[in-house]
N, C-alpha and C. Protein backbone atom coordinates (compact mmCIF):
# COMPACT_ATOMS: atom_id res chain seq x y z
N MET A 1 43.02 57.47 -23.01
CA MET A 1 41.98 57.48 -21.82
C MET A 1 40.56 57.05 -22.48
N ALA A 2 40.36 57.65 -23.58
CA ALA A 2 38.96 57.28 -24.18
C ALA A 2 38.71 56.17 -24.74
N LEU A 3 40.06 55.35 -25.26
CA LEU A 3 39.95 54.01 -25.58
C LEU A 3 39.56 53.09 -24.58
N PRO A 4 40.08 53.26 -23.37
CA PRO A 4 39.64 52.06 -22.30
C PRO A 4 38.13 52.13 -22.16
N ALA A 5 37.64 53.49 -22.01
CA ALA A 5 36.34 53.80 -21.62
C ALA A 5 35.31 53.10 -22.77
N LEU A 6 35.92 53.25 -24.00
CA LEU A 6 35.21 53.00 -25.11
C LEU A 6 35.07 51.27 -25.11
N LEU A 7 36.08 50.77 -24.77
CA LEU A 7 36.43 49.50 -24.90
C LEU A 7 35.32 48.81 -23.82
N ILE A 8 35.34 49.46 -22.57
CA ILE A 8 34.44 48.91 -21.44
C ILE A 8 32.98 49.14 -21.71
N THR A 9 32.52 50.40 -22.46
CA THR A 9 31.36 50.54 -22.89
C THR A 9 30.79 49.46 -23.57
N ALA A 10 31.66 49.12 -24.73
CA ALA A 10 31.54 48.07 -25.95
C ALA A 10 31.23 47.08 -25.24
N CYS A 11 32.14 46.33 -24.59
CA CYS A 11 31.91 45.09 -23.53
C CYS A 11 30.41 45.24 -22.90
N ALA A 12 30.09 46.06 -22.39
CA ALA A 12 28.99 46.26 -21.64
C ALA A 12 27.74 46.10 -22.43
N PHE A 13 27.65 46.47 -23.71
CA PHE A 13 26.48 46.53 -24.31
C PHE A 13 26.53 45.29 -24.99
N VAL A 14 27.71 44.56 -25.28
CA VAL A 14 27.87 43.15 -25.91
C VAL A 14 27.39 42.06 -25.01
N LEU A 15 27.86 42.31 -23.73
CA LEU A 15 27.44 41.43 -22.46
C LEU A 15 25.79 41.44 -22.34
N ALA A 16 25.29 42.82 -22.18
CA ALA A 16 23.94 42.95 -22.03
C ALA A 16 23.06 42.43 -23.24
N GLY A 17 23.57 42.61 -24.52
CA GLY A 17 22.79 41.87 -25.52
C GLY A 17 22.67 40.45 -25.35
N TYR A 18 23.87 40.15 -24.99
CA TYR A 18 24.14 38.48 -24.90
C TYR A 18 23.29 37.92 -23.62
N ARG A 19 23.07 38.70 -22.75
CA ARG A 19 22.28 37.97 -21.71
C ARG A 19 20.86 38.43 -21.88
N TYR A 20 20.49 39.60 -22.54
CA TYR A 20 19.13 39.64 -23.05
C TYR A 20 18.68 38.54 -24.12
N GLY A 21 19.52 38.17 -25.07
CA GLY A 21 19.33 37.37 -26.16
C GLY A 21 19.27 35.76 -25.69
N LEU A 22 20.18 35.54 -24.51
CA LEU A 22 20.11 34.12 -23.84
C LEU A 22 18.85 34.03 -22.89
N ARG A 23 18.29 35.19 -22.35
CA ARG A 23 17.03 34.84 -21.66
C ARG A 23 15.84 34.79 -22.63
N PHE A 24 15.98 35.46 -23.42
CA PHE A 24 14.89 35.30 -24.54
C PHE A 24 14.78 34.00 -25.20
N GLU A 25 16.05 33.42 -25.53
CA GLU A 25 16.09 32.19 -25.95
C GLU A 25 15.48 30.96 -25.00
N ILE A 26 15.84 31.17 -23.80
CA ILE A 26 15.61 30.07 -22.85
C ILE A 26 13.73 30.34 -22.61
N ARG A 27 13.55 31.22 -22.67
CA ARG A 27 11.96 31.48 -22.38
C ARG A 27 11.18 30.91 -23.67
N ARG A 28 12.00 30.71 -24.85
CA ARG A 28 11.20 30.38 -26.02
C ARG A 28 11.33 28.95 -26.29
N ARG A 29 12.25 28.28 -25.67
CA ARG A 29 12.39 26.92 -25.70
C ARG A 29 11.08 26.17 -25.39
N PRO A 30 10.65 25.16 -26.15
CA PRO A 30 9.54 24.36 -25.64
C PRO A 30 9.95 23.69 -24.53
N VAL A 31 8.88 23.43 -23.23
CA VAL A 31 9.29 22.72 -22.27
C VAL A 31 8.85 21.24 -22.32
N PRO A 32 9.50 20.17 -22.35
CA PRO A 32 9.09 18.85 -22.62
C PRO A 32 8.09 18.71 -21.08
N GLY A 33 7.02 18.30 -21.13
CA GLY A 33 6.44 18.29 -19.84
C GLY A 33 5.83 16.88 -20.08
N LEU A 34 5.55 16.40 -18.64
CA LEU A 34 4.82 14.92 -18.49
C LEU A 34 3.36 15.05 -18.54
N PRO A 35 2.57 14.25 -19.07
CA PRO A 35 1.19 14.58 -19.03
C PRO A 35 0.91 14.33 -17.39
N THR A 36 -0.26 15.16 -17.12
CA THR A 36 -0.62 14.93 -15.88
C THR A 36 -1.46 13.74 -15.43
N LEU A 37 -2.36 13.50 -16.46
CA LEU A 37 -2.85 11.95 -16.31
C LEU A 37 -2.77 11.09 -17.16
N PRO A 38 -2.53 9.93 -16.85
CA PRO A 38 -2.22 8.82 -17.97
C PRO A 38 -3.30 8.43 -18.89
N PRO A 39 -3.23 7.99 -20.14
CA PRO A 39 -4.55 7.73 -20.84
C PRO A 39 -5.55 6.90 -19.99
N GLN A 40 -6.53 7.02 -19.98
CA GLN A 40 -7.71 6.63 -19.58
C GLN A 40 -8.54 5.49 -20.32
N ARG A 41 -8.72 4.34 -19.80
CA ARG A 41 -9.22 3.07 -20.57
C ARG A 41 -10.71 3.56 -20.63
N THR A 42 -11.38 3.32 -21.67
CA THR A 42 -12.72 3.36 -21.76
C THR A 42 -13.48 2.40 -21.23
N SER A 43 -13.18 1.32 -20.87
CA SER A 43 -14.13 0.05 -20.35
C SER A 43 -13.34 -0.11 -18.96
N GLY A 44 -14.01 -0.85 -18.19
CA GLY A 44 -13.56 -1.27 -16.82
C GLY A 44 -12.68 -2.48 -16.85
N PRO A 45 -12.02 -2.77 -15.86
CA PRO A 45 -11.30 -3.83 -15.83
C PRO A 45 -11.95 -5.29 -16.14
N HIS A 46 -10.99 -6.15 -16.50
CA HIS A 46 -11.36 -7.49 -16.95
C HIS A 46 -12.16 -8.13 -15.48
N ARG A 47 -13.53 -8.66 -15.40
CA ARG A 47 -13.97 -9.23 -14.44
C ARG A 47 -13.44 -10.78 -14.29
N GLU A 48 -13.36 -11.07 -12.97
CA GLU A 48 -12.81 -12.61 -12.79
C GLU A 48 -14.11 -13.12 -12.07
N TYR A 49 -14.17 -14.51 -12.57
CA TYR A 49 -15.42 -15.11 -12.01
C TYR A 49 -15.05 -16.48 -11.46
N VAL A 50 -15.18 -16.70 -10.27
CA VAL A 50 -15.05 -18.19 -9.79
C VAL A 50 -16.10 -18.97 -9.13
N GLU A 51 -16.20 -19.94 -9.85
CA GLU A 51 -17.72 -20.61 -9.49
C GLU A 51 -17.35 -21.39 -7.89
N LEU A 52 -18.01 -21.21 -6.92
CA LEU A 52 -17.72 -21.47 -5.51
C LEU A 52 -18.71 -22.92 -5.48
N SER A 53 -18.05 -23.96 -4.72
CA SER A 53 -18.73 -24.97 -4.37
C SER A 53 -19.95 -24.81 -3.27
N ALA A 54 -20.73 -25.65 -2.81
CA ALA A 54 -21.65 -25.33 -1.78
C ALA A 54 -21.14 -25.36 -0.41
N ALA A 55 -20.19 -26.01 -0.25
CA ALA A 55 -19.18 -25.89 1.14
C ALA A 55 -18.83 -24.48 1.08
N GLU A 56 -17.97 -24.00 0.19
CA GLU A 56 -17.52 -22.69 0.20
C GLU A 56 -18.55 -21.49 0.04
N ARG A 57 -19.57 -21.75 -0.64
CA ARG A 57 -20.90 -20.60 -0.41
C ARG A 57 -21.16 -20.83 1.18
N ALA A 58 -21.51 -21.98 1.82
CA ALA A 58 -21.88 -21.94 3.16
C ALA A 58 -21.00 -21.14 3.93
N ALA A 59 -19.69 -21.46 3.76
CA ALA A 59 -18.49 -21.06 4.55
C ALA A 59 -18.55 -19.30 4.51
N PHE A 60 -18.75 -18.82 3.40
CA PHE A 60 -18.88 -17.57 2.94
C PHE A 60 -19.70 -16.89 3.85
N ALA A 61 -20.97 -17.37 3.64
CA ALA A 61 -22.31 -17.14 4.29
C ALA A 61 -22.06 -16.74 5.87
N GLY A 62 -21.43 -17.97 6.60
CA GLY A 62 -21.19 -18.11 7.96
C GLY A 62 -20.21 -16.88 8.35
N LEU A 63 -19.13 -16.72 7.44
CA LEU A 63 -18.30 -15.77 7.54
C LEU A 63 -19.19 -14.22 7.53
N MET A 64 -19.69 -14.09 6.75
CA MET A 64 -20.63 -12.80 6.59
C MET A 64 -21.38 -12.57 7.82
N ARG A 65 -22.15 -13.69 8.25
CA ARG A 65 -22.94 -13.47 9.59
C ARG A 65 -22.24 -13.13 10.74
N GLN A 66 -21.04 -13.79 10.60
CA GLN A 66 -20.10 -13.38 11.94
C GLN A 66 -19.61 -11.81 11.76
N LEU A 67 -19.23 -11.12 10.60
CA LEU A 67 -18.72 -9.93 10.57
C LEU A 67 -20.06 -9.12 10.76
N SER A 68 -21.06 -9.35 10.35
CA SER A 68 -22.38 -8.47 10.52
C SER A 68 -22.75 -8.45 11.77
N ASP A 69 -22.53 -9.36 12.49
CA ASP A 69 -23.10 -9.42 14.08
C ASP A 69 -22.12 -8.71 15.16
N GLY A 70 -21.06 -8.48 14.43
CA GLY A 70 -20.16 -7.69 15.19
C GLY A 70 -18.98 -8.32 16.01
């Protein structure tokens, strides 16, 4: 009668130790995380510049007048 009780107690201790060790192992693992922000550039974006003809400038000025008048 003492042998089954001893085996049950030993198994309980082994399983408890295994569970504790596994929990400790999981907690110690390094978590590969994603960076919260991507690396930032030190300069702004490349500027694009297009030379407008006189007719295009006049059309743009007319459009701005229409938009500002409401």
